[in-house]
Amino acid sequence: MTPIPAQSSSQWLRGVLDLCLLAVVEYEPAYGYEMTTRLAEAGLAVVADGSIYPALGRLERDGLVTSFRVPSEGGPPRKYYEISTPGRKALERGRLNWAEFATGVAGVLHSKPASKKR
């Protein structure tokens, strides 16, 4: 049996990164590195800083997050992101879809093999 490549978790994450980013700014705005830290604290340490910025750009273009700049000590202003009203609705739908999908995958992964009929 061929093992599943180690890169699989990053491939799976690519499909749900937008949803995870909406979740980490649901209650409090954050800037990019802070989001990476929040994701890692929640158990998604595989997310690199550089991988979230394209996703944030998509979310902002789609109106799911808005951004604002805050001056920082000793550097350029930080760009903070916060969830928008459409983003909250998308997050809620995403949570429901994820729960349904995860339940289905778990059902497949933990089911007994079907008997072979010849």
PDB file of N, CA and C in Angstrom:
ATOM      1  N   MET A   1       0.848  -1.179   0.000  1.00  0.00           N
ATOM      2  CA  MET A   1       0.000   0.000   0.000  1.00  0.00           C
ATOM      3  C   MET A   1       0.889   1.237   0.000  1.00  0.00           C
ATOM      4  N   THR A   2       0.617   2.167  -0.861  1.00  0.00           N
ATOM      5  CA  THR A   2       1.381   3.410  -0.941  1.00  0.00           C
ATOM      6  C   THR A   2       0.912   4.352   0.159  1.00  0.00           C
ATOM      7  N   PRO A   3       1.844   4.911   0.954  1.00  0.00           N
ATOM      8  CA  PRO A   3       1.420   5.836   2.006  1.00  0.00           C
ATOM      9  C   PRO A   3       0.901   7.150   1.426  1.00  0.00           C
ATOM     10  N   ILE A   4       0.056   7.802   2.183  1.00  0.00           N
ATOM     11  CA  ILE A   4      -0.456   9.110   1.778  1.00  0.00           C
ATOM     12  C   ILE A   4       0.674  10.110   1.960  1.00  0.00           C
ATOM     13  N   PRO A   5       0.973  10.930   0.943  1.00  0.00           N
ATOM     14  CA  PRO A   5       2.073  11.891   1.053  1.00  0.00           C
ATOM     15  C   PRO A   5       1.865  12.878   2.194  1.00  0.00           C
ATOM     16  N   ALA A   6       2.957  13.325   2.793  1.00  0.00           N
ATOM     17  CA  ALA A   6       2.896  14.272   3.901  1.00  0.00           C
ATOM     18  C   ALA A   6       2.237  15.586   3.493  1.00  0.00           C
ATOM     19  N   GLN A   7       2.314  15.940   2.224  1.00  0.00           N
ATOM     20  CA  GLN A   7       1.742  17.200   1.768  1.00  0.00           C
ATOM     21  C   GLN A   7       0.220  17.190   1.761  1.00  0.00           C
ATOM     22  N   SER A   8      -0.403  16.060   2.043  1.00  0.00           N
ATOM     23  CA  SER A   8      -1.859  15.971   1.986  1.00  0.00           C
ATOM     24  C   SER A   8      -2.544  16.979   2.885  1.00  0.00           C
ATOM     25  N   SER A   9      -2.042  17.201   4.100  1.00  0.00           N
ATOM     26  CA  SER A   9      -2.713  18.144   4.990  1.00  0.00           C
ATOM     27  C   SER A   9      -2.737  19.545   4.394  1.00  0.00           C
ATOM     28  N   SER A  10      -1.667  19.943   3.734  1.00  0.00           N
ATOM     29  CA  SER A  10      -1.680  21.276   3.120  1.00  0.00           C
ATOM     30  C   SER A  10      -2.640  21.308   1.933  1.00  0.00           C
ATOM     31  N   GLN A  11      -2.789  20.212   1.219  1.00  0.00           N
ATOM     32  CA  GLN A  11      -3.745  20.170   0.110  1.00  0.00           C
ATOM     33  C   GLN A  11      -5.181  20.222   0.642  1.00  0.00           C
ATOM     34  N   TRP A  12      -5.449  19.523   1.727  1.00  0.00           N
ATOM     35  CA  TRP A  12      -6.784  19.570   2.321  1.00  0.00           C
ATOM     36  C   TRP A  12      -7.078  20.964   2.829  1.00  0.00           C
ATOM     37  N   LEU A  13      -6.088  21.576   3.449  1.00  0.00           N
ATOM     38  CA  LEU A  13      -6.271  22.910   4.006  1.00  0.00           C
ATOM     39  C   LEU A  13      -6.592  23.929   2.934  1.00  0.00           C
ATOM     40  N   ARG A  14      -6.000  23.780   1.762  1.00  0.00           N
ATOM     41  CA  ARG A  14      -6.247  24.718   0.670  1.00  0.00           C
ATOM     42  C   ARG A  14      -7.736  24.848   0.397  1.00  0.00           C
ATOM     43  N   GLY A  15      -8.463  23.771   0.550  1.00  0.00           N
ATOM     44  CA  GLY A  15      -9.904  23.793   0.294  1.00  0.00           C
ATOM     45  C   GLY A  15     -10.725  24.449   1.387  1.00  0.00           C
ATOM     46  N   VAL A  16     -10.176  24.582   2.581  1.00  0.00           N
ATOM     47  CA  VAL A  16     -10.940  25.153   3.697  1.00  0.00           C
ATOM     48  C   VAL A  16     -10.264  26.367   4.330  1.00  0.00           C
ATOM     49  N   LEU A  17      -9.168  26.832   3.734  1.00  0.00           N
ATOM     50  CA  LEU A  17      -8.445  27.956   4.312  1.00  0.00           C
ATOM     51  C   LEU A  17      -9.320  29.200   4.407  1.00  0.00           C
ATOM     52  N   ASP A  18     -10.090  29.504   3.383  1.00  0.00           N
ATOM     53  CA  ASP A  18     -10.954  30.683   3.424  1.00  0.00           C
ATOM     54  C   ASP A  18     -11.906  30.605   4.618  1.00  0.00           C
ATOM     55  N   LEU A  19     -12.500  29.452   4.817  1.00  0.00           N
ATOM     56  CA  LEU A  19     -13.420  29.251   5.926  1.00  0.00           C
ATOM     57  C   LEU A  19     -12.705  29.436   7.267  1.00  0.00           C
ATOM     58  N   CYS A  20     -11.503  28.886   7.382  1.00  0.00           N
ATOM     59  CA  CYS A  20     -10.726  29.025   8.626  1.00  0.00           C
ATOM     60  C   CYS A  20     -10.355  30.479   8.890  1.00  0.00           C
ATOM     61  N   LEU A  21     -10.011  31.215   7.845  1.00  0.00           N
ATOM     62  CA  LEU A  21      -9.662  32.630   8.022  1.00  0.00           C
ATOM     63  C   LEU A  21     -10.871  33.433   8.472  1.00  0.00           C
ATOM     64  N   LEU A  22     -12.037  33.145   7.922  1.00  0.00           N
ATOM     65  CA  LEU A  22     -13.245  33.822   8.388  1.00  0.00           C
ATOM     66  C   LEU A  22     -13.487  33.524   9.865  1.00  0.00           C
ATOM     67  N   ALA A  23     -13.259  32.293  10.263  1.00  0.00           N
ATOM     68  CA  ALA A  23     -13.492  31.912  11.654  1.00  0.00           C
ATOM     69  C   ALA A  23     -12.541  32.624  12.614  1.00  0.00           C
ATOM     70  N   VAL A  24     -11.273  32.815  12.217  1.00  0.00           N
ATOM     71  CA  VAL A  24     -10.329  33.435  13.161  1.00  0.00           C
ATOM     72  C   VAL A  24     -10.526  34.942  13.299  1.00  0.00           C
ATOM     73  N   VAL A  25     -11.309  35.553  12.400  1.00  0.00           N
ATOM     74  CA  VAL A  25     -11.612  36.980  12.560  1.00  0.00           C
ATOM     75  C   VAL A  25     -13.096  37.203  12.879  1.00  0.00           C
ATOM     76  N   GLU A  26     -13.779  36.150  13.234  1.00  0.00           N
ATOM     77  CA  GLU A  26     -15.209  36.267  13.517  1.00  0.00           C
ATOM     78  C   GLU A  26     -15.483  37.223  14.680  1.00  0.00           C
ATOM     79  N   TYR A  27     -14.685  37.175  15.730  1.00  0.00           N
ATOM     80  CA  TYR A  27     -14.953  37.970  16.927  1.00  0.00           C
ATOM     81  C   TYR A  27     -14.010  39.145  17.115  1.00  0.00           C
ATOM     82  N   GLU A  28     -12.875  39.122  16.409  1.00  0.00           N
ATOM     83  CA  GLU A  28     -11.894  40.188  16.589  1.00  0.00           C
ATOM     84  C   GLU A  28     -11.032  40.308  15.338  1.00  0.00           C
ATOM     85  N   PRO A  29     -10.867  41.524  14.823  1.00  0.00           N
ATOM     86  CA  PRO A  29     -10.011  41.719  13.651  1.00  0.00           C
ATOM     87  C   PRO A  29      -8.579  41.260  13.935  1.00  0.00           C
ATOM     88  N   ALA A  30      -7.846  40.955  12.872  1.00  0.00           N
ATOM     89  CA  ALA A  30      -6.454  40.518  13.019  1.00  0.00           C
ATOM     90  C   ALA A  30      -5.685  40.869  11.758  1.00  0.00           C
ATOM     91  N   TYR A  31      -4.373  40.976  11.903  1.00  0.00           N
ATOM     92  CA  TYR A  31      -3.506  41.150  10.742  1.00  0.00           C
ATOM     93  C   TYR A  31      -2.949  39.777  10.369  1.00  0.00           C
ATOM     94  N   GLY A  32      -2.309  39.689   9.213  1.00  0.00           N
ATOM     95  CA  GLY A  32      -1.897  38.411   8.647  1.00  0.00           C
ATOM     96  C   GLY A  32      -1.143  37.490   9.584  1.00  0.00           C
ATOM     97  N   TYR A  33      -0.042  37.980  10.175  1.00  0.00           N
ATOM     98  CA  TYR A  33       0.756  37.112  11.053  1.00  0.00           C
ATOM     99  C   TYR A  33      -0.057  36.666  12.263  1.00  0.00           C
ATOM    100  N   GLU A  34      -0.884  37.555  12.776  1.00  0.00           N
ATOM    101  CA  GLU A  34      -1.727  37.221  13.917  1.00  0.00           C
ATOM    102  C   GLU A  34      -2.707  36.097  13.557  1.00  0.00           C
ATOM    103  N   MET A  35      -3.213  36.127  12.325  1.00  0.00           N
ATOM    104  CA  MET A  35      -4.114  35.054  11.880  1.00  0.00           C
ATOM    105  C   MET A  35      -3.378  33.723  11.832  1.00  0.00           C
ATOM    106  N   THR A  36      -2.150  33.750  11.335  1.00  0.00           N
ATOM    107  CA  THR A  36      -1.344  32.529  11.287  1.00  0.00           C
ATOM    108  C   THR A  36      -1.159  31.973  12.695  1.00  0.00           C
ATOM    109  N   THR A  37      -0.911  32.856  13.646  1.00  0.00           N
ATOM    110  CA  THR A  37      -0.750  32.440  15.044  1.00  0.00           C
ATOM    111  C   THR A  37      -2.042  31.849  15.584  1.00  0.00           C
ATOM    112  N   ARG A  38      -3.158  32.482  15.301  1.00  0.00           N
ATOM    113  CA  ARG A  38      -4.454  31.962  15.767  1.00  0.00           C
ATOM    114  C   ARG A  38      -4.736  30.591  15.162  1.00  0.00           C
ATOM    115  N   LEU A  39      -4.430  30.430  13.883  1.00  0.00           N
ATOM    116  CA  LEU A  39      -4.629  29.129  13.242  1.00  0.00           C
ATOM    117  C   LEU A  39      -3.758  28.068  13.907  1.00  0.00           C
ATOM    118  N   ALA A  40      -2.496  28.411  14.170  1.00  0.00           N
ATOM    119  CA  ALA A  40      -1.575  27.461  14.807  1.00  0.00           C
ATOM    120  C   ALA A  40      -2.063  27.090  16.205  1.00  0.00           C
ATOM    121  N   GLU A  41      -2.526  28.075  16.956  1.00  0.00           N
ATOM    122  CA  GLU A  41      -3.033  27.808  18.310  1.00  0.00           C
ATOM    123  C   GLU A  41      -4.253  26.904  18.282  1.00  0.00           C
ATOM    124  N   ALA A  42      -5.013  26.963  17.198  1.00  0.00           N
ATOM    125  CA  ALA A  42      -6.200  26.115  17.054  1.00  0.00           C
ATOM    126  C   ALA A  42      -5.855  24.724  16.519  1.00  0.00           C
ATOM    127  N   GLY A  43      -4.575  24.517  16.130  1.00  0.00           N
ATOM    128  CA  GLY A  43      -4.161  23.209  15.649  1.00  0.00           C
ATOM    129  C   GLY A  43      -3.760  23.153  14.193  1.00  0.00           C
ATOM    130  N   LEU A  44      -3.758  24.272  13.493  1.00  0.00           N
ATOM    131  CA  LEU A  44      -3.381  24.297  12.080  1.00  0.00           C
ATOM    132  C   LEU A  44      -2.029  24.978  11.901  1.00  0.00           C
ATOM    133  N   ALA A  45      -1.011  24.351  12.427  1.00  0.00           N
ATOM    134  CA  ALA A  45       0.338  24.917  12.360  1.00  0.00           C
ATOM    135  C   ALA A  45       0.936  24.813  10.962  1.00  0.00           C
ATOM    136  N   VAL A  46       0.288  24.122  10.043  1.00  0.00           N
ATOM    137  CA  VAL A  46       0.826  23.933   8.691  1.00  0.00           C
ATOM    138  C   VAL A  46       0.631  25.154   7.803  1.00  0.00           C
ATOM    139  N   VAL A  47      -0.074  26.172   8.292  1.00  0.00           N
ATOM    140  CA  VAL A  47      -0.361  27.349   7.479  1.00  0.00           C
ATOM    141  C   VAL A  47       0.793  28.341   7.587  1.00  0.00           C
ATOM    142  N   ALA A  48       1.410  28.647   6.459  1.00  0.00           N
ATOM    143  CA  ALA A  48       2.499  29.619   6.424  1.00  0.00           C
ATOM    144  C   ALA A  48       1.935  31.010   6.185  1.00  0.00           C
ATOM    145  N   ASP A  49       2.658  32.014   6.672  1.00  0.00           N
ATOM    146  CA  ASP A  49       2.226  33.410   6.484  1.00  0.00           C
ATOM    147  C   ASP A  49       1.915  33.694   5.023  1.00  0.00           C
ATOM    148  N   GLY A  50       2.821  33.302   4.146  1.00  0.00           N
ATOM    149  CA  GLY A  50       2.683  33.610   2.729  1.00  0.00           C
ATOM    150  C   GLY A  50       1.485  32.970   2.063  1.00  0.00           C
ATOM    151  N   SER A  51       0.958  31.909   2.634  1.00  0.00           N
ATOM    152  CA  SER A  51      -0.177  31.238   1.996  1.00  0.00           C
ATOM    153  C   SER A  51      -1.508  31.899   2.316  1.00  0.00           C
ATOM    154  N   ILE A  52      -1.550  32.732   3.355  1.00  0.00           N
ATOM    155  CA  ILE A  52      -2.847  33.316   3.694  1.00  0.00           C
ATOM    156  C   ILE A  52      -3.150  34.600   2.927  1.00  0.00           C
ATOM    157  N   TYR A  53      -2.121  35.300   2.458  1.00  0.00           N
ATOM    158  CA  TYR A  53      -2.375  36.584   1.809  1.00  0.00           C
ATOM    159  C   TYR A  53      -3.175  36.468   0.508  1.00  0.00           C
ATOM    160  N   PRO A  54      -2.916  35.497  -0.344  1.00  0.00           N
ATOM    161  CA  PRO A  54      -3.788  35.351  -1.524  1.00  0.00           C
ATOM    162  C   PRO A  54      -5.241  35.054  -1.124  1.00  0.00           C
ATOM    163  N   ALA A  55      -5.411  34.246  -0.080  1.00  0.00           N
ATOM    164  CA  ALA A  55      -6.764  33.933   0.388  1.00  0.00           C
ATOM    165  C   ALA A  55      -7.446  35.181   0.939  1.00  0.00           C
ATOM    166  N   LEU A  56      -6.708  35.990   1.684  1.00  0.00           N
ATOM    167  CA  LEU A  56      -7.280  37.228   2.216  1.00  0.00           C
ATOM    168  C   LEU A  56      -7.675  38.180   1.092  1.00  0.00           C
ATOM    169  N   GLY A  57      -6.863  38.230   0.055  1.00  0.00           N
ATOM    170  CA  GLY A  57      -7.204  39.050  -1.107  1.00  0.00           C
ATOM    171  C   GLY A  57      -8.498  38.599  -1.749  1.00  0.00           C
ATOM    172  N   ARG A  58      -8.669  37.278  -1.890  1.00  0.00           N
ATOM    173  CA  ARG A  58      -9.916  36.721  -2.447  1.00  0.00           C
ATOM    174  C   ARG A  58     -11.103  37.089  -1.561  1.00  0.00           C
ATOM    175  N   LEU A  59     -10.932  36.881  -0.249  1.00  0.00           N
ATOM    176  CA  LEU A  59     -12.024  37.165   0.685  1.00  0.00           C
ATOM    177  C   LEU A  59     -12.427  38.641   0.635  1.00  0.00           C
ATOM    178  N   GLU A  60     -11.424  39.502   0.514  1.00  0.00           N
ATOM    179  CA  GLU A  60     -11.720  40.936   0.456  1.00  0.00           C
ATOM    180  C   GLU A  60     -12.418  41.294  -0.870  1.00  0.00           C
ATOM    181  N   ARG A  61     -11.920  40.753  -1.979  1.00  0.00           N
ATOM    182  CA  ARG A  61     -12.563  41.012  -3.287  1.00  0.00           C
ATOM    183  C   ARG A  61     -14.008  40.518  -3.309  1.00  0.00           C
ATOM    184  N   ASP A  62     -14.248  39.403  -2.608  1.00  0.00           N
ATOM    185  CA  ASP A  62     -15.592  38.833  -2.568  1.00  0.00           C
ATOM    186  C   ASP A  62     -16.497  39.513  -1.540  1.00  0.00           C
ATOM    187  N   GLY A  63     -15.954  40.489  -0.798  1.00  0.00           N
ATOM    188  CA  GLY A  63     -16.742  41.220   0.189  1.00  0.00           C
ATOM    189  C   GLY A  63     -16.983  40.471   1.484  1.00  0.00           C
ATOM    190  N   LEU A  64     -16.216  39.411   1.730  1.00  0.00           N
ATOM    191  CA  LEU A  64     -16.423  38.613   2.941  1.00  0.00           C
ATOM    192  C   LEU A  64     -15.633  39.145   4.128  1.00  0.00           C
ATOM    193  N   VAL A  65     -14.587  39.915   3.850  1.00  0.00           N
ATOM    194  CA  VAL A  65     -13.841  40.633   4.889  1.00  0.00           C
ATOM    195  C   VAL A  65     -13.599  42.052   4.392  1.00  0.00           C
ATOM    196  N   THR A  66     -13.380  42.938   5.333  1.00  0.00           N
ATOM    197  CA  THR A  66     -12.941  44.295   5.007  1.00  0.00           C
ATOM    198  C   THR A  66     -11.609  44.500   5.703  1.00  0.00           C
ATOM    199  N   SER A  67     -10.886  45.523   5.282  1.00  0.00           N
ATOM    200  CA  SER A  67      -9.583  45.765   5.896  1.00  0.00           C
ATOM    201  C   SER A  67      -9.434  47.223   6.285  1.00  0.00           C
ATOM    202  N   PHE A  68      -8.548  47.452   7.227  1.00  0.00           N
ATOM    203  CA  PHE A  68      -8.191  48.797   7.645  1.00  0.00           C
ATOM    204  C   PHE A  68      -6.758  48.761   8.144  1.00  0.00           C
ATOM    205  N   ARG A  69      -6.093  49.889   8.116  1.00  0.00           N
ATOM    206  CA  ARG A  69      -4.689  49.968   8.528  1.00  0.00           C
ATOM    207  C   ARG A  69      -4.577  50.632   9.893  1.00  0.00           C
ATOM    208  N   VAL A  70      -3.638  50.100  10.686  1.00  0.00           N
ATOM    209  CA  VAL A  70      -3.364  50.619  12.020  1.00  0.00           C
ATOM    210  C   VAL A  70      -1.865  50.866  12.121  1.00  0.00           C
ATOM    211  N   PRO A  71      -1.468  52.072  12.555  1.00  0.00           N
ATOM    212  CA  PRO A  71      -0.032  52.333  12.707  1.00  0.00           C
ATOM    213  C   PRO A  71       0.602  51.320  13.665  1.00  0.00           C
ATOM    214  N   SER A  72       1.830  50.929  13.360  1.00  0.00           N
ATOM    215  CA  SER A  72       2.537  50.002  14.246  1.00  0.00           C
ATOM    216  C   SER A  72       3.806  50.669  14.754  1.00  0.00           C
ATOM    217  N   GLU A  73       4.256  50.202  15.883  1.00  0.00           N
ATOM    218  CA  GLU A  73       5.487  50.750  16.454  1.00  0.00           C
ATOM    219  C   GLU A  73       6.682  50.203  15.684  1.00  0.00           C
ATOM    220  N   GLY A  74       7.507  51.103  15.170  1.00  0.00           N
ATOM    221  CA  GLY A  74       8.741  50.683  14.520  1.00  0.00           C
ATOM    222  C   GLY A  74       8.591  50.040  13.160  1.00  0.00           C
ATOM    223  N   GLY A  75       7.519  50.296  12.453  1.00  0.00           N
ATOM    224  CA  GLY A  75       7.364  49.706  11.133  1.00  0.00           C
ATOM    225  C   GLY A  75       6.193  50.306  10.385  1.00  0.00           C
ATOM    226  N   PRO A  76       5.908  49.760   9.224  1.00  0.00           N
ATOM    227  CA  PRO A  76       4.777  50.272   8.440  1.00  0.00           C
ATOM    228  C   PRO A  76       3.454  49.923   9.131  1.00  0.00           C
ATOM    229  N   PRO A  77       2.384  50.588   8.758  1.00  0.00           N
ATOM    230  CA  PRO A  77       1.077  50.257   9.342  1.00  0.00           C
ATOM    231  C   PRO A  77       0.706  48.803   9.052  1.00  0.00           C
ATOM    232  N   ARG A  78      -0.001  48.211   9.981  1.00  0.00           N
ATOM    233  CA  ARG A  78      -0.470  46.830   9.785  1.00  0.00           C
ATOM    234  C   ARG A  78      -1.861  46.860   9.170  1.00  0.00           C
ATOM    235  N   LYS A  79      -2.084  45.931   8.247  1.00  0.00           N
ATOM    236  CA  LYS A  79      -3.391  45.813   7.610  1.00  0.00           C
ATOM    237  C   LYS A  79      -4.193  44.765   8.383  1.00  0.00           C
ATOM    238  N   TYR A  80      -5.255  45.210   9.012  1.00  0.00           N
ATOM    239  CA  TYR A  80      -6.133  44.331   9.768  1.00  0.00           C
ATOM    240  C   TYR A  80      -7.329  43.944   8.910  1.00  0.00           C
ATOM    241  N   TYR A  81      -7.829  42.756   9.151  1.00  0.00           N
ATOM    242  CA  TYR A  81      -8.999  42.250   8.446  1.00  0.00           C
ATOM    243  C   TYR A  81     -10.088  41.950   9.463  1.00  0.00           C
ATOM    244  N   GLU A  82     -11.327  42.261   9.070  1.00  0.00           N
ATOM    245  CA  GLU A  82     -12.466  41.910   9.913  1.00  0.00           C
ATOM    246  C   GLU A  82     -13.559  41.322   9.040  1.00  0.00           C
ATOM    247  N   ILE A  83     -14.341  40.481   9.632  1.00  0.00           N
ATOM    248  CA  ILE A  83     -15.392  39.805   8.884  1.00  0.00           C
ATOM    249  C   ILE A  83     -16.529  40.785   8.605  1.00  0.00           C
ATOM    250  N   SER A  84     -17.133  40.678   7.436  1.00  0.00           N
ATOM    251  CA  SER A  84     -18.264  41.519   7.048  1.00  0.00           C
ATOM    252  C   SER A  84     -19.562  40.751   7.298  1.00  0.00           C
ATOM    253  N   THR A  85     -20.682  41.423   7.112  1.00  0.00           N
ATOM    254  CA  THR A  85     -21.973  40.743   7.262  1.00  0.00           C
ATOM    255  C   THR A  85     -22.103  39.589   6.267  1.00  0.00           C
ATOM    256  N   PRO A  86     -21.777  39.781   4.973  1.00  0.00           N
ATOM    257  CA  PRO A  86     -21.812  38.627   4.065  1.00  0.00           C
ATOM    258  C   PRO A  86     -20.809  37.533   4.484  1.00  0.00           C
ATOM    259  N   GLY A  87     -19.691  37.947   5.070  1.00  0.00           N
ATOM    260  CA  GLY A  87     -18.712  36.979   5.550  1.00  0.00           C
ATOM    261  C   GLY A  87     -19.260  36.122   6.676  1.00  0.00           C
ATOM    262  N   ARG A  88     -20.029  36.741   7.570  1.00  0.00           N
ATOM    263  CA  ARG A  88     -20.658  35.987   8.679  1.00  0.00           C
ATOM    264  C   ARG A  88     -21.642  34.953   8.123  1.00  0.00           C
ATOM    265  N   LYS A  89     -22.395  35.358   7.116  1.00  0.00           N
ATOM    266  CA  LYS A  89     -23.352  34.421   6.500  1.00  0.00           C
ATOM    267  C   LYS A  89     -22.600  33.289   5.807  1.00  0.00           C
ATOM    268  N   ALA A  90     -21.519  33.627   5.114  1.00  0.00           N
ATOM    269  CA  ALA A  90     -20.716  32.604   4.437  1.00  0.00           C
ATOM    270  C   ALA A  90     -20.075  31.663   5.457  1.00  0.00           C
ATOM    271  N   LEU A  91     -19.639  32.200   6.576  1.00  0.00           N
ATOM    272  CA  LEU A  91     -19.040  31.366   7.624  1.00  0.00           C
ATOM    273  C   LEU A  91     -20.061  30.382   8.181  1.00  0.00           C
ATOM    274  N   GLU A  92     -21.253  30.859   8.432  1.00  0.00           N
ATOM    275  CA  GLU A  92     -22.292  29.969   8.960  1.00  0.00           C
ATOM    276  C   GLU A  92     -22.608  28.856   7.962  1.00  0.00           C
ATOM    277  N   ARG A  93     -22.773  29.215   6.673  1.00  0.00           N
ATOM    278  CA  ARG A  93     -23.014  28.189   5.643  1.00  0.00           C
ATOM    279  C   ARG A  93     -21.837  27.228   5.566  1.00  0.00           C
ATOM    280  N   GLY A  94     -20.629  27.776   5.627  1.00  0.00           N
ATOM    281  CA  GLY A  94     -19.429  26.949   5.561  1.00  0.00           C
ATOM    282  C   GLY A  94     -19.332  25.971   6.712  1.00  0.00           C
ATOM    283  N   ARG A  95     -19.714  26.422   7.898  1.00  0.00           N
ATOM    284  CA  ARG A  95     -19.704  25.517   9.069  1.00  0.00           C
ATOM    285  C   ARG A  95     -20.668  24.360   8.859  1.00  0.00           C
ATOM    286  N   LEU A  96     -21.839  24.661   8.345  1.00  0.00           N
ATOM    287  CA  LEU A  96     -22.822  23.599   8.102  1.00  0.00           C
ATOM    288  C   LEU A  96     -22.318  22.638   7.025  1.00  0.00           C
ATOM    289  N   ASN A  97     -21.780  23.194   5.942  1.00  0.00           N
ATOM    290  CA  ASN A  97     -21.258  22.352   4.865  1.00  0.00           C
ATOM    291  C   ASN A  97     -20.092  21.503   5.346  1.00  0.00           C
ATOM    292  N   TRP A  98     -19.198  22.109   6.151  1.00  0.00           N
ATOM    293  CA  TRP A  98     -18.043  21.362   6.669  1.00  0.00           C
ATOM    294  C   TRP A  98     -18.510  20.216   7.564  1.00  0.00           C
ATOM    295  N   ALA A  99     -19.466  20.466   8.444  1.00  0.00           N
ATOM    296  CA  ALA A  99     -19.953  19.422   9.347  1.00  0.00           C
ATOM    297  C   ALA A  99     -20.535  18.256   8.549  1.00  0.00           C
ATOM    298  N   GLU A 100     -21.291  18.579   7.518  1.00  0.00           N
ATOM    299  CA  GLU A 100     -21.883  17.539   6.670  1.00  0.00           C
ATOM    300  C   GLU A 100     -20.796  16.754   5.934  1.00  0.00           C
ATOM    301  N   PHE A 101     -19.831  17.470   5.382  1.00  0.00           N
ATOM    302  CA  PHE A 101     -18.736  16.837   4.646  1.00  0.00           C
ATOM    303  C   PHE A 101     -17.887  15.964   5.566  1.00  0.00           C
ATOM    304  N   ALA A 102     -17.514  16.508   6.728  1.00  0.00           N
ATOM    305  CA  ALA A 102     -16.668  15.761   7.675  1.00  0.00           C
ATOM    306  C   ALA A 102     -17.376  14.505   8.170  1.00  0.00           C
ATOM    307  N   THR A 103     -18.676  14.615   8.397  1.00  0.00           N
ATOM    308  CA  THR A 103     -19.447  13.439   8.818  1.00  0.00           C
ATOM    309  C   THR A 103     -19.436  12.380   7.723  1.00  0.00           C
ATOM    310  N   GLY A 104     -19.606  12.806   6.486  1.00  0.00           N
ATOM    311  CA  GLY A 104     -19.579  11.862   5.363  1.00  0.00           C
ATOM    312  C   GLY A 104     -18.233  11.187   5.205  1.00  0.00           C
ATOM    313  N   VAL A 105     -17.154  11.958   5.289  1.00  0.00           N
ATOM    314  CA  VAL A 105     -15.808  11.385   5.168  1.00  0.00           C
ATOM    315  C   VAL A 105     -15.550  10.416   6.313  1.00  0.00           C
ATOM    316  N   ALA A 106     -15.918  10.808   7.535  1.00  0.00           N
ATOM    317  CA  ALA A 106     -15.724   9.919   8.688  1.00  0.00           C
ATOM    318  C   ALA A 106     -16.509   8.626   8.502  1.00  0.00           C
ATOM    319  N   GLY A 107     -17.714   8.736   7.956  1.00  0.00           N
ATOM    320  CA  GLY A 107     -18.519   7.541   7.709  1.00  0.00           C
ATOM    321  C   GLY A 107     -17.840   6.591   6.739  1.00  0.00           C
ATOM    322  N   VAL A 108     -17.235   7.147   5.708  1.00  0.00           N
ATOM    323  CA  VAL A 108     -16.539   6.319   4.721  1.00  0.00           C
ATOM    324  C   VAL A 108     -15.282   5.710   5.329  1.00  0.00           C
ATOM    325  N   LEU A 109     -14.512   6.528   6.035  1.00  0.00           N
ATOM    326  CA  LEU A 109     -13.242   6.050   6.581  1.00  0.00           C
ATOM    327  C   LEU A 109     -13.416   5.003   7.675  1.00  0.00           C
ATOM    328  N   HIS A 110     -14.541   5.047   8.369  1.00  0.00           N
ATOM    329  CA  HIS A 110     -14.739   4.134   9.486  1.00  0.00           C
ATOM    330  C   HIS A 110     -15.772   3.040   9.191  1.00  0.00           C
ATOM    331  N   SER A 111     -16.170   2.904   7.940  1.00  0.00           N
ATOM    332  CA  SER A 111     -17.155   1.878   7.608  1.00  0.00           C
ATOM    333  C   SER A 111     -16.467   0.551   7.324  1.00  0.00           C
ATOM    334  N   LYS A 112     -17.223  -0.495   7.484  1.00  0.00           N
ATOM    335  CA  LYS A 112     -16.719  -1.824   7.153  1.00  0.00           C
ATOM    336  C   LYS A 112     -16.785  -1.993   5.635  1.00  0.00           C
ATOM    337  N   PRO A 113     -15.849  -2.717   5.067  1.00  0.00           N
ATOM    338  CA  PRO A 113     -15.911  -2.922   3.617  1.00  0.00           C
ATOM    339  C   PRO A 113     -17.159  -3.699   3.224  1.00  0.00           C
ATOM    340  N   ALA A 114     -17.712  -3.340   2.101  1.00  0.00           N
ATOM    341  CA  ALA A 114     -18.876  -4.045   1.588  1.00  0.00           C
ATOM    342  C   ALA A 114     -18.476  -5.440   1.160  1.00  0.00           C
ATOM    343  N   SER A 115     -19.374  -6.391   1.345  1.00  0.00           N
ATOM    344  CA  SER A 115     -19.051  -7.752   0.939  1.00  0.00           C
ATOM    345  C   SER A 115     -19.018  -7.824  -0.579  1.00  0.00           C
ATOM    346  N   LYS A 116     -18.113  -8.638  -1.078  1.00  0.00           N
ATOM    347  CA  LYS A 116     -17.975  -8.786  -2.530  1.00  0.00           C
ATOM    348  C   LYS A 116     -18.955  -9.830  -3.015  1.00  0.00           C
ATOM    349  N   LYS A 117     -19.682  -9.471  -4.026  1.00  0.00           N
ATOM    350  CA  LYS A 117     -20.631 -10.408  -4.624  1.00  0.00           C
ATOM    351  C   LYS A 117     -20.083 -10.786  -5.980  1.00  0.00           C
ATOM    352  N   ARG A 118     -20.074 -12.049  -6.255  1.00  0.00           N
ATOM    353  CA  ARG A 118     -19.547 -12.508  -7.542  1.00  0.00           C
ATOM    354  C   ARG A 118     -20.609 -13.153  -8.353  1.00  0.00           C
TER     355      ARG A 118
END
